[in-house]
N, C-alpha and C. Protein backbone atom coordinates (compact mmCIF):
# COMPACT_ATOMS: atom_id res chain seq x y z
N UNK A 1 -151.83 -88.84 47.46
CA UNK A 1 -151.78 -89.95 46.53
C UNK A 1 -150.66 -90.89 46.97
N UNK A 2 -150.95 -92.18 46.98
CA UNK A 2 -149.97 -93.19 47.36
C UNK A 2 -149.11 -93.56 46.17
N UNK A 3 -147.81 -93.62 46.39
CA UNK A 3 -146.90 -94.00 45.31
C UNK A 3 -147.04 -95.49 45.02
N UNK A 4 -147.00 -95.84 43.77
CA UNK A 4 -147.04 -97.24 43.37
C UNK A 4 -145.68 -97.86 43.65
N UNK A 5 -145.66 -99.03 44.31
CA UNK A 5 -144.35 -99.66 44.57
C UNK A 5 -143.71 -100.11 43.27
N UNK A 6 -142.38 -100.17 43.28
CA UNK A 6 -141.69 -100.71 42.11
C UNK A 6 -142.11 -102.16 41.93
N UNK A 7 -142.26 -102.55 40.69
CA UNK A 7 -142.68 -103.91 40.38
C UNK A 7 -141.63 -104.55 39.48
N UNK A 8 -141.59 -105.87 39.49
CA UNK A 8 -140.72 -106.59 38.57
C UNK A 8 -141.58 -107.49 37.70
N UNK A 9 -141.29 -107.47 36.41
CA UNK A 9 -141.94 -108.33 35.44
C UNK A 9 -140.84 -109.16 34.79
N UNK A 10 -140.79 -110.43 35.12
CA UNK A 10 -139.81 -111.35 34.53
C UNK A 10 -140.44 -111.87 33.24
N UNK A 11 -139.81 -111.58 32.10
CA UNK A 11 -140.31 -112.02 30.81
C UNK A 11 -139.62 -113.31 30.41
N UNK A 12 -140.42 -114.34 30.13
CA UNK A 12 -139.85 -115.65 29.79
C UNK A 12 -140.42 -116.16 28.47
N UNK A 13 -139.56 -116.53 27.53
CA UNK A 13 -140.05 -117.16 26.31
C UNK A 13 -140.44 -118.60 26.61
N UNK A 14 -141.62 -119.01 26.15
CA UNK A 14 -142.10 -120.37 26.42
C UNK A 14 -142.56 -121.02 25.12
N UNK A 15 -142.43 -122.34 25.06
CA UNK A 15 -142.81 -123.06 23.85
C UNK A 15 -144.28 -123.46 23.82
N UNK A 16 -144.90 -123.57 24.97
CA UNK A 16 -146.31 -123.98 25.06
C UNK A 16 -146.97 -123.13 26.13
N UNK A 17 -147.71 -122.12 25.71
CA UNK A 17 -148.28 -121.14 26.63
C UNK A 17 -149.24 -121.77 27.63
N UNK A 18 -150.09 -122.69 27.18
CA UNK A 18 -151.05 -123.34 28.08
C UNK A 18 -150.32 -124.19 29.12
N UNK A 19 -149.32 -124.95 28.69
CA UNK A 19 -148.55 -125.79 29.63
C UNK A 19 -147.83 -124.92 30.65
N UNK A 20 -147.22 -123.84 30.19
CA UNK A 20 -146.50 -122.96 31.10
C UNK A 20 -147.44 -122.27 32.07
N UNK A 21 -148.61 -121.87 31.60
CA UNK A 21 -149.60 -121.25 32.49
C UNK A 21 -149.99 -122.22 33.59
N UNK A 22 -150.31 -123.46 33.24
CA UNK A 22 -150.68 -124.47 34.24
C UNK A 22 -149.52 -124.71 35.21
N UNK A 23 -148.30 -124.75 34.70
CA UNK A 23 -147.14 -124.97 35.55
C UNK A 23 -147.01 -123.84 36.58
N UNK A 24 -147.07 -122.60 36.12
CA UNK A 24 -146.89 -121.48 37.04
C UNK A 24 -148.07 -121.32 38.00
N UNK A 25 -149.24 -121.74 37.61
CA UNK A 25 -150.35 -121.78 38.57
C UNK A 25 -150.05 -122.80 39.66
N UNK A 26 -149.44 -123.93 39.30
CA UNK A 26 -149.11 -124.98 40.27
C UNK A 26 -148.06 -124.54 41.28
N UNK A 27 -147.21 -123.59 40.92
CA UNK A 27 -146.20 -123.12 41.87
C UNK A 27 -146.59 -121.81 42.54
N UNK A 28 -147.85 -121.43 42.44
CA UNK A 28 -148.35 -120.30 43.21
C UNK A 28 -148.70 -119.04 42.45
N UNK A 29 -148.56 -119.04 41.15
CA UNK A 29 -148.92 -117.87 40.37
C UNK A 29 -150.42 -117.82 40.11
N UNK A 30 -150.93 -116.62 39.89
CA UNK A 30 -152.33 -116.41 39.54
C UNK A 30 -152.37 -115.67 38.22
N UNK A 31 -153.15 -116.18 37.28
CA UNK A 31 -153.26 -115.55 35.96
C UNK A 31 -153.99 -114.22 36.08
N UNK A 32 -153.40 -113.18 35.49
CA UNK A 32 -154.05 -111.87 35.42
C UNK A 32 -154.61 -111.72 34.00
N UNK A 33 -155.93 -111.90 33.84
CA UNK A 33 -156.51 -111.86 32.50
C UNK A 33 -156.42 -110.50 31.82
N UNK A 34 -156.26 -109.43 32.58
CA UNK A 34 -156.17 -108.09 31.99
C UNK A 34 -154.93 -107.93 31.13
N UNK A 35 -153.89 -108.70 31.44
CA UNK A 35 -152.62 -108.58 30.70
C UNK A 35 -152.25 -109.90 30.05
N UNK A 36 -153.25 -110.65 29.62
CA UNK A 36 -153.02 -111.95 28.99
C UNK A 36 -153.83 -112.05 27.70
N UNK A 37 -153.27 -112.76 26.75
CA UNK A 37 -153.99 -113.06 25.51
C UNK A 37 -153.42 -114.35 24.95
N UNK A 38 -153.61 -114.61 23.67
CA UNK A 38 -153.12 -115.87 23.10
C UNK A 38 -151.64 -115.86 22.77
N UNK A 39 -150.94 -114.74 23.07
CA UNK A 39 -149.50 -114.65 22.83
C UNK A 39 -148.69 -114.44 24.11
N UNK A 40 -149.38 -114.05 25.19
CA UNK A 40 -148.70 -113.74 26.44
C UNK A 40 -149.65 -113.93 27.61
N UNK A 41 -149.09 -114.42 28.72
CA UNK A 41 -149.87 -114.58 29.94
C UNK A 41 -149.10 -113.93 31.09
N UNK A 42 -149.81 -113.12 31.86
CA UNK A 42 -149.22 -112.49 33.04
C UNK A 42 -149.57 -113.33 34.26
N UNK A 43 -148.53 -113.84 34.94
CA UNK A 43 -148.72 -114.60 36.17
C UNK A 43 -148.29 -113.72 37.33
N UNK A 44 -149.15 -113.59 38.33
CA UNK A 44 -148.91 -112.74 39.48
C UNK A 44 -148.50 -113.61 40.66
N UNK A 45 -147.36 -113.28 41.27
CA UNK A 45 -146.88 -114.00 42.45
C UNK A 45 -147.05 -113.17 43.72
N UNK A 46 -147.05 -111.87 43.58
CA UNK A 46 -147.30 -110.96 44.70
C UNK A 46 -147.68 -109.62 44.09
N UNK A 47 -147.93 -108.67 44.93
CA UNK A 47 -148.29 -107.33 44.46
C UNK A 47 -147.20 -106.74 43.57
N UNK A 48 -145.96 -107.18 43.77
CA UNK A 48 -144.85 -106.58 43.03
C UNK A 48 -144.08 -107.54 42.13
N UNK A 49 -144.41 -108.83 42.13
CA UNK A 49 -143.67 -109.81 41.34
C UNK A 49 -144.60 -110.48 40.34
N UNK A 50 -144.23 -110.36 39.07
CA UNK A 50 -145.02 -110.93 37.98
C UNK A 50 -144.10 -111.65 37.00
N UNK A 51 -144.62 -112.68 36.37
CA UNK A 51 -143.89 -113.34 35.28
C UNK A 51 -144.75 -113.21 34.03
N UNK A 52 -144.14 -112.72 32.97
CA UNK A 52 -144.80 -112.65 31.68
C UNK A 52 -144.33 -113.83 30.84
N UNK A 53 -145.24 -114.73 30.56
CA UNK A 53 -144.95 -115.89 29.73
C UNK A 53 -145.27 -115.52 28.29
N UNK A 54 -144.27 -115.55 27.44
CA UNK A 54 -144.41 -115.06 26.07
C UNK A 54 -144.15 -116.17 25.06
N UNK A 55 -145.03 -116.29 24.07
CA UNK A 55 -144.73 -117.21 22.98
C UNK A 55 -143.44 -116.72 22.31
N UNK A 56 -142.79 -117.59 21.59
CA UNK A 56 -141.55 -117.18 20.92
C UNK A 56 -141.82 -116.04 19.94
N UNK A 57 -142.98 -116.08 19.28
CA UNK A 57 -143.32 -115.02 18.33
C UNK A 57 -143.47 -113.67 19.06
N UNK A 58 -144.13 -113.69 20.21
CA UNK A 58 -144.31 -112.46 20.99
C UNK A 58 -142.95 -111.97 21.51
N UNK A 59 -142.13 -112.91 22.00
CA UNK A 59 -140.80 -112.56 22.50
C UNK A 59 -140.02 -111.80 21.42
N UNK A 60 -140.13 -112.26 20.18
CA UNK A 60 -139.39 -111.65 19.07
C UNK A 60 -139.80 -110.21 18.79
N UNK A 61 -140.95 -109.77 19.31
CA UNK A 61 -141.34 -108.37 19.14
C UNK A 61 -140.62 -107.45 20.12
N UNK A 62 -139.96 -108.03 21.14
CA UNK A 62 -139.24 -107.25 22.13
C UNK A 62 -137.73 -107.19 21.87
N UNK A 63 -137.19 -108.22 21.24
CA UNK A 63 -135.76 -108.27 20.97
C UNK A 63 -135.50 -109.14 19.76
N UNK A 64 -134.43 -108.83 19.06
CA UNK A 64 -134.06 -109.69 17.94
C UNK A 64 -132.94 -110.66 18.32
N UNK A 65 -132.62 -110.70 19.61
CA UNK A 65 -131.64 -111.69 20.09
C UNK A 65 -132.25 -113.08 20.06
N UNK A 66 -131.40 -114.06 19.82
CA UNK A 66 -131.84 -115.44 19.78
C UNK A 66 -132.30 -115.89 21.17
N UNK A 67 -133.25 -116.79 21.19
CA UNK A 67 -133.71 -117.38 22.43
C UNK A 67 -132.81 -118.58 22.72
N UNK A 68 -132.04 -118.53 23.81
CA UNK A 68 -131.18 -119.67 24.11
C UNK A 68 -132.01 -120.86 24.61
N UNK A 69 -131.48 -122.04 24.46
CA UNK A 69 -132.12 -123.24 24.99
C UNK A 69 -131.80 -123.30 26.48
N UNK A 70 -132.77 -122.96 27.32
CA UNK A 70 -132.55 -122.89 28.76
C UNK A 70 -132.29 -124.26 29.38
N UNK A 71 -132.52 -125.34 28.63
CA UNK A 71 -132.15 -126.67 29.12
C UNK A 71 -130.64 -126.89 29.03
N UNK A 72 -129.96 -126.08 28.21
CA UNK A 72 -128.53 -126.25 27.99
C UNK A 72 -127.68 -125.10 28.50
N UNK A 73 -128.28 -123.94 28.68
CA UNK A 73 -127.53 -122.77 29.12
C UNK A 73 -128.38 -121.98 30.10
N UNK A 74 -127.71 -121.12 30.86
CA UNK A 74 -128.43 -120.26 31.80
C UNK A 74 -127.94 -118.83 31.62
N UNK A 75 -128.88 -117.93 31.46
CA UNK A 75 -128.54 -116.53 31.34
C UNK A 75 -128.84 -115.79 32.63
N UNK A 76 -129.82 -116.32 33.37
CA UNK A 76 -130.24 -115.64 34.59
C UNK A 76 -130.80 -116.70 35.55
N UNK A 77 -130.62 -116.46 36.84
CA UNK A 77 -131.27 -117.27 37.88
C UNK A 77 -132.22 -116.33 38.60
N UNK A 78 -133.47 -116.68 38.65
CA UNK A 78 -134.47 -115.87 39.30
C UNK A 78 -134.67 -116.44 40.69
N UNK A 79 -134.61 -115.60 41.71
CA UNK A 79 -134.74 -116.07 43.09
C UNK A 79 -135.91 -115.37 43.76
N UNK A 80 -136.76 -116.16 44.39
CA UNK A 80 -137.87 -115.61 45.18
C UNK A 80 -137.79 -116.18 46.58
N UNK A 81 -138.28 -115.41 47.54
CA UNK A 81 -138.22 -115.86 48.93
C UNK A 81 -139.52 -116.55 49.33
N UNK A 82 -139.41 -117.37 50.34
CA UNK A 82 -140.56 -118.03 50.96
C UNK A 82 -140.52 -117.75 52.45
N UNK A 83 -141.61 -118.05 53.13
CA UNK A 83 -141.76 -117.71 54.54
C UNK A 83 -141.13 -118.73 55.49
N UNK A 84 -140.74 -119.91 54.97
CA UNK A 84 -140.16 -120.94 55.83
C UNK A 84 -139.43 -121.97 54.98
N UNK A 85 -138.65 -122.80 55.65
CA UNK A 85 -137.98 -123.91 54.97
C UNK A 85 -139.02 -124.85 54.36
N UNK A 86 -140.08 -125.13 55.13
CA UNK A 86 -141.13 -126.01 54.63
C UNK A 86 -141.79 -125.45 53.38
N UNK A 87 -141.97 -124.13 53.33
CA UNK A 87 -142.57 -123.50 52.16
C UNK A 87 -141.64 -123.61 50.95
N UNK A 88 -140.33 -123.53 51.17
CA UNK A 88 -139.36 -123.74 50.08
C UNK A 88 -139.56 -125.15 49.51
N UNK A 89 -139.57 -126.15 50.40
CA UNK A 89 -139.74 -127.52 49.95
C UNK A 89 -141.07 -127.72 49.23
N UNK A 90 -142.14 -127.13 49.75
CA UNK A 90 -143.46 -127.28 49.14
C UNK A 90 -143.49 -126.68 47.74
N UNK A 91 -142.86 -125.53 47.55
CA UNK A 91 -142.84 -124.91 46.22
C UNK A 91 -142.08 -125.77 45.23
N UNK A 92 -140.91 -126.26 45.61
CA UNK A 92 -140.12 -127.10 44.71
C UNK A 92 -140.84 -128.41 44.42
N UNK A 93 -141.46 -128.99 45.44
CA UNK A 93 -142.23 -130.22 45.24
C UNK A 93 -143.40 -129.98 44.28
N UNK A 94 -144.08 -128.85 44.41
CA UNK A 94 -145.18 -128.51 43.49
C UNK A 94 -144.67 -128.38 42.07
N UNK A 95 -143.52 -127.75 41.91
CA UNK A 95 -142.93 -127.59 40.58
C UNK A 95 -142.64 -128.95 39.95
N UNK A 96 -142.09 -129.87 40.72
CA UNK A 96 -141.77 -131.20 40.19
C UNK A 96 -143.05 -131.94 39.79
N UNK A 97 -144.08 -131.85 40.62
CA UNK A 97 -145.35 -132.52 40.31
C UNK A 97 -146.01 -131.93 39.07
N UNK A 98 -145.76 -130.65 38.80
CA UNK A 98 -146.38 -129.97 37.67
C UNK A 98 -145.59 -130.10 36.37
N UNK A 99 -144.52 -130.89 36.38
CA UNK A 99 -143.77 -131.11 35.15
C UNK A 99 -142.43 -130.41 35.09
N UNK A 100 -142.05 -129.76 36.16
CA UNK A 100 -140.73 -129.13 36.21
C UNK A 100 -139.70 -130.10 36.75
N UNK A 101 -138.48 -129.63 36.88
CA UNK A 101 -137.39 -130.45 37.42
C UNK A 101 -136.95 -129.86 38.75
N UNK A 102 -137.01 -130.69 39.79
CA UNK A 102 -136.58 -130.24 41.12
C UNK A 102 -135.06 -130.24 41.20
N UNK A 103 -134.53 -129.24 41.83
CA UNK A 103 -133.11 -129.13 42.18
C UNK A 103 -132.14 -129.31 41.02
N UNK A 104 -132.30 -128.51 39.94
CA UNK A 104 -131.27 -128.55 38.90
C UNK A 104 -129.94 -128.00 39.41
N UNK A 105 -129.99 -127.22 40.46
CA UNK A 105 -128.80 -126.74 41.16
C UNK A 105 -128.78 -127.37 42.55
N UNK A 106 -127.62 -127.43 43.14
CA UNK A 106 -127.48 -128.06 44.46
C UNK A 106 -128.30 -127.33 45.51
N UNK A 107 -128.85 -128.09 46.46
CA UNK A 107 -129.54 -127.52 47.60
C UNK A 107 -128.52 -126.74 48.43
N UNK A 108 -128.92 -125.58 48.92
CA UNK A 108 -128.05 -124.75 49.76
C UNK A 108 -128.65 -124.69 51.16
N UNK A 109 -127.91 -125.19 52.14
CA UNK A 109 -128.38 -125.16 53.52
C UNK A 109 -127.27 -124.63 54.41
N UNK A 110 -127.42 -123.38 54.81
CA UNK A 110 -126.43 -122.72 55.66
C UNK A 110 -126.94 -122.52 57.08
N UNK A 111 -128.04 -123.19 57.43
CA UNK A 111 -128.64 -123.03 58.75
C UNK A 111 -129.53 -121.80 58.80
N UNK A 112 -128.93 -120.62 58.66
CA UNK A 112 -129.70 -119.37 58.68
C UNK A 112 -130.38 -119.09 57.35
N UNK A 113 -129.94 -119.81 56.29
CA UNK A 113 -130.51 -119.63 54.97
C UNK A 113 -130.62 -121.00 54.30
N UNK A 114 -131.73 -121.22 53.63
CA UNK A 114 -132.01 -122.50 52.99
C UNK A 114 -132.56 -122.22 51.60
N UNK A 115 -132.01 -122.89 50.60
CA UNK A 115 -132.48 -122.66 49.25
C UNK A 115 -132.47 -123.91 48.40
N UNK A 116 -133.46 -123.97 47.54
CA UNK A 116 -133.55 -125.02 46.53
C UNK A 116 -133.92 -124.36 45.21
N UNK A 117 -134.02 -125.14 44.17
CA UNK A 117 -134.36 -124.57 42.87
C UNK A 117 -135.22 -125.54 42.08
N UNK A 118 -135.85 -124.99 41.04
CA UNK A 118 -136.56 -125.83 40.09
C UNK A 118 -136.41 -125.22 38.70
N UNK A 119 -136.54 -126.08 37.70
CA UNK A 119 -136.55 -125.62 36.32
C UNK A 119 -137.97 -125.82 35.79
N UNK A 120 -138.48 -124.82 35.09
CA UNK A 120 -139.81 -124.96 34.50
C UNK A 120 -139.72 -125.85 33.26
N UNK A 121 -140.83 -126.16 32.61
CA UNK A 121 -140.77 -127.06 31.44
C UNK A 121 -139.88 -126.56 30.30
N UNK A 122 -139.62 -125.25 30.24
CA UNK A 122 -138.73 -124.71 29.22
C UNK A 122 -137.29 -124.60 29.69
N UNK A 123 -137.02 -125.01 30.93
CA UNK A 123 -135.65 -125.01 31.45
C UNK A 123 -135.25 -123.76 32.23
N UNK A 124 -136.15 -122.78 32.37
CA UNK A 124 -135.83 -121.57 33.14
C UNK A 124 -135.73 -121.95 34.62
N UNK A 125 -134.63 -121.53 35.25
CA UNK A 125 -134.38 -121.91 36.65
C UNK A 125 -134.84 -120.82 37.60
N UNK A 126 -135.61 -121.26 38.59
CA UNK A 126 -136.05 -120.40 39.68
C UNK A 126 -135.46 -120.94 40.96
N UNK A 127 -134.82 -120.07 41.72
CA UNK A 127 -134.35 -120.43 43.05
C UNK A 127 -135.42 -120.00 44.05
N UNK A 128 -135.59 -120.81 45.09
CA UNK A 128 -136.56 -120.52 46.14
C UNK A 128 -135.78 -120.57 47.44
N UNK A 129 -135.85 -119.49 48.23
CA UNK A 129 -135.03 -119.45 49.43
C UNK A 129 -135.80 -118.92 50.63
N UNK A 130 -135.32 -119.32 51.80
CA UNK A 130 -135.79 -118.79 53.07
C UNK A 130 -134.57 -118.34 53.84
N UNK A 131 -134.68 -117.20 54.53
CA UNK A 131 -133.61 -116.73 55.39
C UNK A 131 -134.22 -116.40 56.75
N UNK A 132 -133.53 -116.83 57.81
CA UNK A 132 -133.95 -116.50 59.16
C UNK A 132 -134.10 -114.98 59.24
N UNK A 133 -135.24 -114.49 59.75
CA UNK A 133 -135.46 -113.04 59.80
C UNK A 133 -134.34 -112.28 60.53
N UNK A 134 -133.77 -112.87 61.58
CA UNK A 134 -132.67 -112.20 62.28
C UNK A 134 -131.45 -112.08 61.38
N UNK A 135 -131.19 -113.10 60.58
CA UNK A 135 -130.06 -113.05 59.65
C UNK A 135 -130.30 -112.00 58.58
N UNK A 136 -131.54 -111.90 58.14
CA UNK A 136 -131.86 -110.89 57.13
C UNK A 136 -131.68 -109.48 57.71
N UNK A 137 -132.04 -109.31 58.96
CA UNK A 137 -131.93 -108.01 59.61
C UNK A 137 -130.47 -107.64 59.89
N UNK A 138 -129.70 -108.60 60.43
CA UNK A 138 -128.32 -108.34 60.86
C UNK A 138 -127.30 -108.50 59.75
N UNK A 139 -127.62 -109.29 58.75
CA UNK A 139 -126.65 -109.69 57.75
C UNK A 139 -126.10 -111.04 58.15
N UNK A 140 -125.80 -111.90 57.20
CA UNK A 140 -125.40 -113.27 57.50
C UNK A 140 -124.20 -113.39 58.44
N UNK A 141 -123.14 -112.60 58.21
CA UNK A 141 -121.93 -112.73 59.03
C UNK A 141 -122.21 -112.34 60.48
N UNK A 142 -122.92 -111.24 60.71
CA UNK A 142 -123.23 -110.81 62.07
C UNK A 142 -124.13 -111.83 62.75
N UNK A 143 -125.08 -112.40 62.00
CA UNK A 143 -125.98 -113.39 62.57
C UNK A 143 -125.21 -114.64 63.03
N UNK A 144 -124.32 -115.12 62.16
CA UNK A 144 -123.53 -116.32 62.49
C UNK A 144 -122.68 -116.05 63.73
N UNK A 145 -122.07 -114.87 63.81
CA UNK A 145 -121.24 -114.54 64.98
C UNK A 145 -122.10 -114.46 66.25
N UNK A 146 -123.29 -113.89 66.15
CA UNK A 146 -124.15 -113.77 67.33
C UNK A 146 -124.68 -115.12 67.79
N UNK A 147 -124.74 -116.07 66.87
CA UNK A 147 -125.19 -117.42 67.21
C UNK A 147 -124.03 -118.29 67.68
N UNK A 148 -122.84 -117.73 67.68
CA UNK A 148 -121.66 -118.48 68.16
C UNK A 148 -121.01 -119.33 67.08
N UNK A 149 -121.30 -119.01 65.80
CA UNK A 149 -120.74 -119.80 64.68
C UNK A 149 -119.45 -119.31 64.18
């Protein structure tokens, strides 16, 4: 029997489930109808990465903590990798076209690593990054030294 890989489910409170679903489809998510209803939508980004979009009412069934206004505060930064610098740009550009905000945080360009970010319509920030495979294998400091930096 094959072991199931560990998975991550990022749970996000959203004010408009249909708008958020369309937004996350625009940045590469696929709706999983098996785990979606009129209170929650499961968006699949890979075999192991999922975002659960929850109405505020559904969110309240998981915690009694207040939902912060993500346009004014940040509790978490979610970071996903892409296969290239161009793919990072394409994802952020798609987010902006779909109603999100491109680059709420400064662009990070270290040569071996490149990152940008977007905020969804509810203000949740996602970072999108690419790292040179050699840098990922060696570690950033060793990679920079081997490149003569």
